[in-house]
Amino acid sequence: MFGDIMGMMGKLKETQQKVEETKKRLDFVLIDEKSSDGKLEVTLTANRKIKNISIDDDLLNDKEMLEDYLVNVLNKAIEKATNVHETELAAVAKEGMPNIPGMDMFK
């Protein structure tokens, strides 16, 4: 019985380490998003850190339009980055979860 518990604890610790390694790796996974007309482009990491913003000169003359572009494009990029982030971490967590009957959380 204690061997099973110790084995599960070891597996959980190993999974926690893999989750941390995955989080670090996601700092290097880049998500690019741009407006439909290409006037604004952003690059985020899968950990949702902004790496780059490129703004067409035309947008610099219209503050409200630039703000709208930033909100829309950043929200799309954050949504994509969040999806990648959650998918990657769920895969690692599922791989490392002990097989406990009735605990199929990641189907």
Protein backbone atom coordinates (compact mmCIF):
# COMPACT_ATOMS: atom_id res chain seq x y z
CA MET A 1 0.00 0.00 0.00
CA PHE A 2 2.74 2.46 0.97
CA GLY A 3 4.68 1.48 -2.13
CA ASP A 4 1.71 2.49 -4.25
CA ILE A 5 1.41 5.82 -2.46
CA MET A 6 5.14 6.47 -2.74
CA GLY A 7 5.03 5.56 -6.43
CA MET A 8 2.12 7.95 -6.98
CA MET A 9 3.92 10.72 -5.10
CA GLY A 10 7.01 10.18 -7.23
CA LYS A 11 4.91 10.26 -10.40
CA LEU A 12 3.20 13.49 -9.27
CA LYS A 13 6.57 15.11 -8.51
CA GLU A 14 7.85 14.04 -11.93
CA THR A 15 4.72 15.49 -13.55
CA GLN A 16 5.16 18.76 -11.67
CA GLN A 17 8.72 18.99 -12.99
CA LYS A 18 7.51 18.32 -16.55
CA VAL A 19 4.85 21.04 -16.17
CA GLU A 20 7.53 23.53 -15.11
CA GLU A 21 9.75 22.51 -18.04
CA THR A 22 6.80 22.93 -20.41
CA LYS A 23 6.08 26.41 -19.04
CA LYS A 24 9.71 27.40 -19.70
CA ARG A 25 9.55 25.94 -23.23
CA LEU A 26 6.38 27.94 -23.94
CA ASP A 27 8.44 31.12 -23.53
CA PHE A 28 9.96 30.22 -26.91
CA VAL A 29 6.75 29.27 -28.71
CA LEU A 30 5.70 32.37 -30.66
CA ILE A 31 2.16 33.29 -31.65
CA ASP A 32 1.77 35.81 -34.47
CA GLU A 33 -1.45 37.69 -35.11
CA LYS A 34 -2.22 40.56 -37.44
CA SER A 35 -5.15 42.70 -38.44
CA SER A 36 -7.07 41.67 -41.56
CA ASP A 37 -5.47 44.52 -43.52
CA GLY A 38 -1.98 43.84 -42.12
CA LYS A 39 -1.58 47.30 -40.57
CA LEU A 40 -0.94 45.93 -37.10
CA GLU A 41 1.01 42.80 -36.17
CA VAL A 42 1.77 41.41 -32.74
CA THR A 43 3.89 38.52 -31.52
CA LEU A 44 3.34 36.86 -28.15
CA THR A 45 4.84 33.85 -26.45
CA ALA A 46 2.53 30.96 -25.58
CA ASN A 47 2.96 32.22 -22.00
CA ARG A 48 1.20 35.41 -23.16
CA LYS A 49 4.17 37.76 -23.00
CA ILE A 50 4.26 40.42 -25.73
CA LYS A 51 7.45 40.14 -27.78
CA ASN A 52 6.78 42.54 -30.65
CA ILE A 53 4.25 45.03 -31.99
CA SER A 54 4.51 46.37 -35.53
CA ILE A 55 2.32 49.36 -36.45
CA ASP A 56 1.79 50.73 -39.96
CA ASP A 57 2.46 54.48 -40.17
CA ASP A 58 -1.15 55.12 -41.30
CA LEU A 59 -2.42 54.06 -37.88
CA LEU A 60 -0.19 56.53 -36.09
CA ASN A 61 -2.34 59.39 -37.35
CA ASP A 62 -5.57 58.08 -35.80
CA LYS A 63 -5.38 57.39 -32.08
CA GLU A 64 -8.85 55.83 -31.78
CA MET A 65 -8.32 53.53 -34.74
CA LEU A 66 -4.93 52.44 -33.36
CA GLU A 67 -6.51 51.69 -29.99
CA ASP A 68 -9.25 49.61 -31.66
CA TYR A 69 -6.67 47.70 -33.69
CA LEU A 70 -4.56 47.02 -30.61
CA VAL A 71 -7.50 45.75 -28.57
CA ASN A 72 -8.77 43.48 -31.35
CA VAL A 73 -5.44 42.04 -32.47
CA LEU A 74 -4.06 41.59 -28.95
CA ASN A 75 -7.24 39.82 -27.82
CA LYS A 76 -7.02 37.40 -30.77
CA ALA A 77 -3.35 36.74 -30.08
CA ILE A 78 -3.96 36.21 -26.35
CA GLU A 79 -6.78 33.77 -27.14
CA LYS A 80 -4.51 31.76 -29.47
CA ALA A 81 -1.64 31.81 -26.96
CA THR A 82 -3.97 30.70 -24.16
CA ASN A 83 -5.23 27.79 -26.26
CA VAL A 84 -1.67 26.63 -26.99
CA HIS A 85 -0.68 27.09 -23.33
CA GLU A 86 -3.65 25.15 -21.95
CA THR A 87 -3.36 22.36 -24.53
CA GLU A 88 0.34 21.83 -23.82
CA LEU A 89 -0.06 21.82 -20.04
CA ALA A 90 -3.13 19.55 -20.16
CA ALA A 91 -1.19 17.04 -22.26
CA VAL A 92 1.65 16.96 -19.71
CA ALA A 93 -0.78 16.71 -16.79
CA LYS A 94 -2.77 13.91 -18.42
CA GLU A 95 0.41 11.97 -19.17
CA GLY A 96 1.52 12.16 -15.55
CA MET A 97 -1.75 11.53 -13.75
CA PRO A 98 -1.97 8.23 -11.89
CA ASN A 99 -4.63 5.86 -13.20
CA ILE A 100 -7.31 6.21 -10.52
CA PRO A 101 -10.65 4.63 -11.44
CA GLY A 102 -13.42 7.22 -11.84
CA MET A 103 -10.94 10.09 -12.18
CA ASP A 104 -11.01 10.55 -15.97
CA MET A 105 -10.67 14.33 -15.83
CA PHE A 106 -8.79 14.77 -19.10
CA LYS A 107 -10.88 12.85 -21.63
